[in-house]
Amino acid sequence: MNRIGNGIGSIQQLTDQYLGSTPLLKTKSAQSFQDALQKAAFANEEVKFSKHAMQRLSDRDINLDATQSERLADGFRKADEKGIKDSLVLMDKLAFIVNVPSHTVVTAMDETESKEKAFTNIDGAVIV
C-alpha cells in the first residue's frame, strides 16, 4: 500500500483520524437547523387580523397591548411547532381562532362571547 505524508495509508484513514468515522451532518443536527430556519422565517412574519377579526375586536372593545400581542405571536409559534393549522389560542380572558399557516387571526372573543365554550373547525389549542 502506498503511504502518504506521515505514514497514513489513505485519504479515508486520514479523514477518520481527524474527523472520526461518523458523518459531520447528523440527522438531529440537520433537523435542528431546519427547525431554527423555520422559526426564524415564522418570526419575520407579522400576525395579521382578518376583516372579520378586526370587526369583532372593535365590536367587543378588545384592545391588545404590546405584551398581549407578543403572547399572541408566541401562541402562533407554539401552534406551528406542534403542526397545528387552525388553533384556538387562549390568553387571559380572551379567545382567538387563528389560521397558523397564514399567520392570521380569524376571530376574537372575550369571556362573555364564549359562553358555550365549544369551538369548531380547529385542530389544536394553545394557552399563552
N, C-alpha and C. Protein backbone atom coordinates (compact mmCIF):
# COMPACT_ATOMS: atom_id res chain seq x y z
N MET A 1 0.84 -1.17 0.00
CA MET A 1 0.00 0.00 0.00
C MET A 1 0.89 1.23 0.00
N ASN A 2 0.54 2.19 -0.81
CA ASN A 2 1.29 3.44 -0.86
C ASN A 2 0.99 4.26 0.38
N ARG A 3 2.02 4.86 0.96
CA ARG A 3 1.85 5.70 2.14
C ARG A 3 2.04 7.15 1.72
N ILE A 4 1.21 8.01 2.30
CA ILE A 4 1.37 9.44 2.01
C ILE A 4 1.79 10.15 3.28
N GLY A 5 2.52 11.22 3.12
CA GLY A 5 2.89 12.08 4.24
C GLY A 5 3.55 11.32 5.38
N ASN A 6 2.88 11.26 6.52
CA ASN A 6 3.46 10.72 7.75
C ASN A 6 3.09 9.26 7.99
N GLY A 7 2.98 8.50 6.95
CA GLY A 7 2.75 7.08 7.10
C GLY A 7 1.29 6.67 7.09
N ILE A 8 0.39 7.56 6.74
CA ILE A 8 -1.02 7.23 6.68
C ILE A 8 -1.28 6.61 5.32
N GLY A 9 -2.03 5.52 5.29
CA GLY A 9 -2.22 4.76 4.07
C GLY A 9 -3.21 5.33 3.08
N SER A 10 -4.20 6.12 3.48
CA SER A 10 -5.17 6.61 2.51
C SER A 10 -5.84 7.88 3.02
N ILE A 11 -6.52 8.53 2.12
CA ILE A 11 -7.29 9.72 2.48
C ILE A 11 -8.36 9.35 3.50
N GLN A 12 -9.00 8.19 3.33
CA GLN A 12 -10.06 7.76 4.25
C GLN A 12 -9.50 7.59 5.66
N GLN A 13 -8.30 7.01 5.78
CA GLN A 13 -7.70 6.86 7.10
C GLN A 13 -7.41 8.22 7.72
N LEU A 14 -6.93 9.14 6.93
CA LEU A 14 -6.66 10.49 7.41
C LEU A 14 -7.96 11.17 7.86
N THR A 15 -8.99 11.01 7.05
CA THR A 15 -10.30 11.58 7.41
C THR A 15 -10.80 10.99 8.72
N ASP A 16 -10.73 9.67 8.83
CA ASP A 16 -11.18 9.01 10.05
C ASP A 16 -10.37 9.44 11.27
N GLN A 17 -9.06 9.63 11.08
CA GLN A 17 -8.20 10.02 12.18
C GLN A 17 -8.57 11.40 12.72
N TYR A 18 -8.84 12.35 11.84
CA TYR A 18 -9.10 13.72 12.28
C TYR A 18 -10.58 14.05 12.49
N LEU A 19 -11.43 13.40 11.74
CA LEU A 19 -12.85 13.71 11.85
C LEU A 19 -13.66 12.60 12.48
N GLY A 20 -13.05 11.47 12.69
CA GLY A 20 -13.80 10.33 13.20
C GLY A 20 -14.54 9.67 12.06
N SER A 21 -15.12 8.53 12.33
CA SER A 21 -15.80 7.80 11.27
C SER A 21 -17.26 8.19 11.14
N THR A 22 -17.75 9.08 12.00
CA THR A 22 -19.15 9.49 11.91
C THR A 22 -19.28 10.67 10.96
N PRO A 23 -20.35 10.75 10.24
CA PRO A 23 -20.54 11.87 9.32
C PRO A 23 -20.68 13.19 10.07
N LEU A 24 -20.29 14.28 9.41
CA LEU A 24 -20.36 15.59 10.05
C LEU A 24 -21.80 16.05 10.25
N LEU A 25 -22.66 15.81 9.29
CA LEU A 25 -24.05 16.23 9.42
C LEU A 25 -24.89 15.05 9.88
N LYS A 26 -25.28 15.09 11.11
CA LYS A 26 -26.15 14.05 11.64
C LYS A 26 -27.58 14.50 11.43
N THR A 27 -28.49 13.54 11.40
CA THR A 27 -29.89 13.86 11.17
C THR A 27 -30.41 14.83 12.21
N LYS A 28 -30.04 14.63 13.47
CA LYS A 28 -30.53 15.50 14.53
C LYS A 28 -30.06 16.93 14.31
N SER A 29 -28.80 17.13 13.96
CA SER A 29 -28.27 18.46 13.72
C SER A 29 -28.96 19.11 12.53
N ALA A 30 -29.13 18.34 11.47
CA ALA A 30 -29.80 18.88 10.29
C ALA A 30 -31.23 19.25 10.62
N GLN A 31 -31.90 18.42 11.40
CA GLN A 31 -33.28 18.73 11.80
C GLN A 31 -33.31 19.97 12.67
N SER A 32 -32.38 20.11 13.59
CA SER A 32 -32.34 21.28 14.45
C SER A 32 -32.12 22.55 13.63
N PHE A 33 -31.27 22.47 12.63
CA PHE A 33 -31.04 23.61 11.76
C PHE A 33 -32.31 23.95 11.00
N GLN A 34 -33.01 22.93 10.51
CA GLN A 34 -34.27 23.14 9.79
C GLN A 34 -35.29 23.78 10.72
N ASP A 35 -35.39 23.30 11.95
CA ASP A 35 -36.31 23.90 12.91
C ASP A 35 -35.97 25.36 13.16
N ALA A 36 -34.69 25.65 13.34
CA ALA A 36 -34.25 27.03 13.58
C ALA A 36 -34.58 27.91 12.39
N LEU A 37 -34.39 27.38 11.20
CA LEU A 37 -34.69 28.14 9.99
C LEU A 37 -36.19 28.44 9.89
N GLN A 38 -37.02 27.44 10.18
CA GLN A 38 -38.47 27.64 10.14
C GLN A 38 -38.90 28.65 11.20
N LYS A 39 -38.33 28.57 12.39
CA LYS A 39 -38.68 29.51 13.45
C LYS A 39 -38.29 30.93 13.06
N ALA A 40 -37.12 31.07 12.46
CA ALA A 40 -36.67 32.39 12.03
C ALA A 40 -37.59 32.95 10.95
N ALA A 41 -37.99 32.11 10.02
CA ALA A 41 -38.90 32.55 8.96
C ALA A 41 -40.25 32.93 9.54
N PHE A 42 -40.72 32.15 10.50
CA PHE A 42 -42.01 32.42 11.14
C PHE A 42 -41.95 33.72 11.94
N ALA A 43 -40.82 33.97 12.60
CA ALA A 43 -40.68 35.17 13.43
C ALA A 43 -40.71 36.45 12.60
N ASN A 44 -40.32 36.37 11.34
CA ASN A 44 -40.29 37.55 10.48
C ASN A 44 -41.68 37.94 9.97
N GLU A 45 -42.66 37.07 10.12
CA GLU A 45 -43.99 37.37 9.62
C GLU A 45 -44.84 37.95 10.75
N GLU A 46 -45.53 39.02 10.45
CA GLU A 46 -46.41 39.65 11.42
C GLU A 46 -47.70 38.86 11.55
N VAL A 47 -48.28 38.94 12.73
CA VAL A 47 -49.62 38.40 12.92
C VAL A 47 -50.59 39.35 12.24
N LYS A 48 -51.46 38.78 11.41
CA LYS A 48 -52.44 39.60 10.70
C LYS A 48 -53.83 39.33 11.29
N PHE A 49 -54.71 40.26 11.10
CA PHE A 49 -56.09 40.11 11.55
C PHE A 49 -56.99 40.19 10.32
N SER A 50 -57.89 39.21 10.20
CA SER A 50 -58.84 39.25 9.09
C SER A 50 -59.81 40.41 9.31
N LYS A 51 -60.53 40.76 8.28
CA LYS A 51 -61.52 41.83 8.38
C LYS A 51 -62.56 41.47 9.45
N HIS A 52 -62.96 40.20 9.46
CA HIS A 52 -63.92 39.72 10.46
C HIS A 52 -63.35 39.88 11.88
N ALA A 53 -62.10 39.50 12.06
CA ALA A 53 -61.47 39.61 13.38
C ALA A 53 -61.37 41.07 13.81
N MET A 54 -61.02 41.94 12.89
CA MET A 54 -60.93 43.37 13.22
C MET A 54 -62.29 43.90 13.65
N GLN A 55 -63.34 43.46 12.97
CA GLN A 55 -64.69 43.89 13.34
C GLN A 55 -65.07 43.38 14.72
N ARG A 56 -64.72 42.12 15.01
CA ARG A 56 -65.02 41.53 16.32
C ARG A 56 -64.25 42.25 17.43
N LEU A 57 -62.99 42.55 17.19
CA LEU A 57 -62.21 43.29 18.18
C LEU A 57 -62.85 44.64 18.47
N SER A 58 -63.30 45.32 17.42
CA SER A 58 -63.94 46.62 17.58
C SER A 58 -65.27 46.50 18.30
N ASP A 59 -66.11 45.55 17.85
CA ASP A 59 -67.44 45.34 18.45
C ASP A 59 -67.34 44.99 19.94
N ARG A 60 -66.33 44.22 20.29
CA ARG A 60 -66.19 43.73 21.66
C ARG A 60 -65.25 44.59 22.50
N ASP A 61 -64.81 45.69 21.91
CA ASP A 61 -63.92 46.64 22.60
C ASP A 61 -62.69 45.93 23.18
N ILE A 62 -62.09 45.09 22.36
CA ILE A 62 -60.87 44.37 22.76
C ILE A 62 -59.67 45.11 22.17
N ASN A 63 -58.79 45.55 23.04
CA ASN A 63 -57.56 46.23 22.63
C ASN A 63 -56.37 45.46 23.19
N LEU A 64 -55.49 45.03 22.32
CA LEU A 64 -54.31 44.28 22.76
C LEU A 64 -53.15 45.23 22.99
N ASP A 65 -52.51 45.09 24.16
CA ASP A 65 -51.30 45.87 24.41
C ASP A 65 -50.10 45.13 23.81
N ALA A 66 -48.92 45.72 23.91
CA ALA A 66 -47.72 45.13 23.31
C ALA A 66 -47.42 43.75 23.90
N THR A 67 -47.59 43.60 25.19
CA THR A 67 -47.32 42.30 25.84
C THR A 67 -48.29 41.24 25.34
N GLN A 68 -49.55 41.60 25.24
CA GLN A 68 -50.55 40.64 24.75
C GLN A 68 -50.29 40.29 23.27
N SER A 69 -49.88 41.26 22.50
CA SER A 69 -49.56 41.00 21.09
C SER A 69 -48.41 40.01 20.96
N GLU A 70 -47.40 40.17 21.80
CA GLU A 70 -46.26 39.25 21.79
C GLU A 70 -46.70 37.85 22.25
N ARG A 71 -47.56 37.78 23.24
CA ARG A 71 -48.06 36.49 23.70
C ARG A 71 -48.90 35.81 22.62
N LEU A 72 -49.68 36.59 21.89
CA LEU A 72 -50.45 36.03 20.78
C LEU A 72 -49.52 35.48 19.71
N ALA A 73 -48.46 36.22 19.39
CA ALA A 73 -47.46 35.75 18.42
C ALA A 73 -46.79 34.48 18.93
N ASP A 74 -46.56 34.41 20.24
CA ASP A 74 -45.98 33.21 20.85
C ASP A 74 -46.93 32.03 20.69
N GLY A 75 -48.23 32.29 20.81
CA GLY A 75 -49.22 31.24 20.59
C GLY A 75 -49.16 30.69 19.18
N PHE A 76 -48.98 31.59 18.20
CA PHE A 76 -48.80 31.16 16.82
C PHE A 76 -47.57 30.26 16.69
N ARG A 77 -46.45 30.68 17.31
CA ARG A 77 -45.21 29.90 17.22
C ARG A 77 -45.39 28.51 17.82
N LYS A 78 -46.03 28.46 18.99
CA LYS A 78 -46.25 27.17 19.65
C LYS A 78 -47.14 26.27 18.81
N ALA A 79 -48.19 26.83 18.24
CA ALA A 79 -49.08 26.05 17.39
C ALA A 79 -48.34 25.53 16.16
N ASP A 80 -47.51 26.39 15.58
CA ASP A 80 -46.72 26.00 14.41
C ASP A 80 -45.76 24.86 14.75
N GLU A 81 -45.11 24.95 15.91
CA GLU A 81 -44.17 23.90 16.33
C GLU A 81 -44.87 22.56 16.48
N LYS A 82 -46.13 22.57 16.87
CA LYS A 82 -46.88 21.33 17.07
C LYS A 82 -47.60 20.88 15.80
N GLY A 83 -47.47 21.65 14.72
CA GLY A 83 -48.08 21.26 13.46
C GLY A 83 -49.57 21.57 13.38
N ILE A 84 -50.05 22.45 14.25
CA ILE A 84 -51.46 22.83 14.24
C ILE A 84 -51.70 23.82 13.10
N LYS A 85 -52.77 23.64 12.38
CA LYS A 85 -53.10 24.53 11.26
C LYS A 85 -54.13 25.58 11.68
N ASP A 86 -55.19 25.15 12.33
CA ASP A 86 -56.24 26.05 12.82
C ASP A 86 -56.34 25.85 14.32
N SER A 87 -56.07 26.90 15.08
CA SER A 87 -55.92 26.75 16.52
C SER A 87 -56.80 27.71 17.30
N LEU A 88 -57.14 27.29 18.49
CA LEU A 88 -57.73 28.16 19.48
C LEU A 88 -56.57 28.63 20.35
N VAL A 89 -56.41 29.93 20.49
CA VAL A 89 -55.38 30.48 21.37
C VAL A 89 -56.09 31.18 22.51
N LEU A 90 -55.86 30.69 23.73
CA LEU A 90 -56.46 31.27 24.92
C LEU A 90 -55.44 32.12 25.64
N MET A 91 -55.85 33.36 25.97
CA MET A 91 -54.95 34.29 26.64
C MET A 91 -55.80 35.16 27.56
N ASP A 92 -55.44 35.16 28.84
CA ASP A 92 -56.19 35.93 29.83
C ASP A 92 -57.66 35.53 29.72
N LYS A 93 -58.54 36.46 29.47
CA LYS A 93 -59.97 36.15 29.32
C LYS A 93 -60.41 36.29 27.87
N LEU A 94 -59.45 36.11 26.96
CA LEU A 94 -59.70 36.24 25.53
C LEU A 94 -59.48 34.91 24.83
N ALA A 95 -60.21 34.71 23.74
CA ALA A 95 -60.04 33.52 22.90
C ALA A 95 -59.91 33.99 21.46
N PHE A 96 -58.95 33.41 20.76
CA PHE A 96 -58.71 33.74 19.36
C PHE A 96 -58.73 32.45 18.55
N ILE A 97 -59.41 32.48 17.43
CA ILE A 97 -59.31 31.39 16.46
C ILE A 97 -58.33 31.89 15.41
N VAL A 98 -57.27 31.11 15.17
CA VAL A 98 -56.21 31.56 14.28
C VAL A 98 -55.91 30.51 13.22
N ASN A 99 -55.52 30.99 12.05
CA ASN A 99 -55.02 30.13 10.99
C ASN A 99 -53.50 30.29 11.00
N VAL A 100 -52.82 29.24 11.40
CA VAL A 100 -51.37 29.31 11.61
C VAL A 100 -50.59 29.52 10.32
N PRO A 101 -50.84 28.74 9.24
CA PRO A 101 -50.02 28.93 8.04
C PRO A 101 -50.07 30.34 7.47
N SER A 102 -51.22 31.02 7.58
CA SER A 102 -51.33 32.37 7.03
C SER A 102 -51.04 33.44 8.08
N HIS A 103 -50.75 33.02 9.32
CA HIS A 103 -50.44 33.96 10.42
C HIS A 103 -51.58 34.95 10.63
N THR A 104 -52.82 34.44 10.53
CA THR A 104 -53.98 35.31 10.59
C THR A 104 -54.92 34.95 11.72
N VAL A 105 -55.33 35.97 12.48
CA VAL A 105 -56.38 35.80 13.47
C VAL A 105 -57.70 35.85 12.71
N VAL A 106 -58.50 34.80 12.84
CA VAL A 106 -59.75 34.70 12.10
C VAL A 106 -60.88 35.38 12.87
N THR A 107 -60.93 35.16 14.19
CA THR A 107 -61.92 35.83 15.02
C THR A 107 -61.39 35.93 16.44
N ALA A 108 -62.02 36.82 17.21
CA ALA A 108 -61.61 37.05 18.60
C ALA A 108 -62.85 37.22 19.45
N MET A 109 -62.77 36.75 20.68
CA MET A 109 -63.90 36.91 21.60
C MET A 109 -63.41 37.02 23.03
N ASP A 110 -64.22 37.63 23.85
CA ASP A 110 -63.89 37.70 25.27
C ASP A 110 -64.72 36.66 26.01
N GLU A 111 -64.62 36.64 27.32
CA GLU A 111 -65.28 35.60 28.11
C GLU A 111 -66.81 35.65 27.98
N THR A 112 -67.38 36.81 27.74
CA THR A 112 -68.84 36.90 27.63
C THR A 112 -69.34 36.31 26.31
N GLU A 113 -68.51 36.34 25.28
CA GLU A 113 -68.90 35.84 23.96
C GLU A 113 -68.72 34.33 23.81
N SER A 114 -67.93 33.75 24.66
CA SER A 114 -67.64 32.31 24.53
C SER A 114 -68.39 31.51 25.59
N LYS A 115 -69.65 31.85 25.80
CA LYS A 115 -70.48 31.20 26.82
C LYS A 115 -70.61 29.70 26.59
N GLU A 116 -70.79 29.31 25.35
CA GLU A 116 -70.98 27.90 25.04
C GLU A 116 -69.73 27.08 25.31
N LYS A 117 -68.59 27.71 25.24
CA LYS A 117 -67.30 27.06 25.45
C LYS A 117 -67.11 25.86 24.52
N ALA A 118 -67.65 25.99 23.32
CA ALA A 118 -67.49 24.97 22.28
C ALA A 118 -66.91 25.66 21.05
N PHE A 119 -65.81 25.12 20.54
CA PHE A 119 -65.14 25.70 19.38
C PHE A 119 -65.02 24.62 18.32
N THR A 120 -65.35 24.99 17.10
CA THR A 120 -65.30 24.02 16.00
C THR A 120 -64.27 24.45 14.96
N ASN A 121 -63.97 23.53 14.06
CA ASN A 121 -63.04 23.77 12.95
C ASN A 121 -61.64 24.14 13.41
N ILE A 122 -61.19 23.54 14.49
CA ILE A 122 -59.81 23.71 14.95
C ILE A 122 -59.18 22.33 15.08
N ASP A 123 -57.87 22.27 15.00
CA ASP A 123 -57.18 21.00 15.21
C ASP A 123 -56.20 21.06 16.36
N GLY A 124 -56.32 22.09 17.19
CA GLY A 124 -55.48 22.18 18.38
C GLY A 124 -55.77 23.44 19.15
N ALA A 125 -55.21 23.52 20.35
CA ALA A 125 -55.39 24.69 21.20
C ALA A 125 -54.08 25.01 21.91
N VAL A 126 -53.86 26.29 22.15
CA VAL A 126 -52.66 26.76 22.84
C VAL A 126 -53.11 27.74 23.91
N ILE A 127 -52.53 27.62 25.10
CA ILE A 127 -52.79 28.56 26.17
C ILE A 127 -51.53 29.35 26.41
N VAL A 128 -51.63 30.68 26.28
CA VAL A 128 -50.46 31.56 26.49
C VAL A 128 -50.73 32.57 27.57
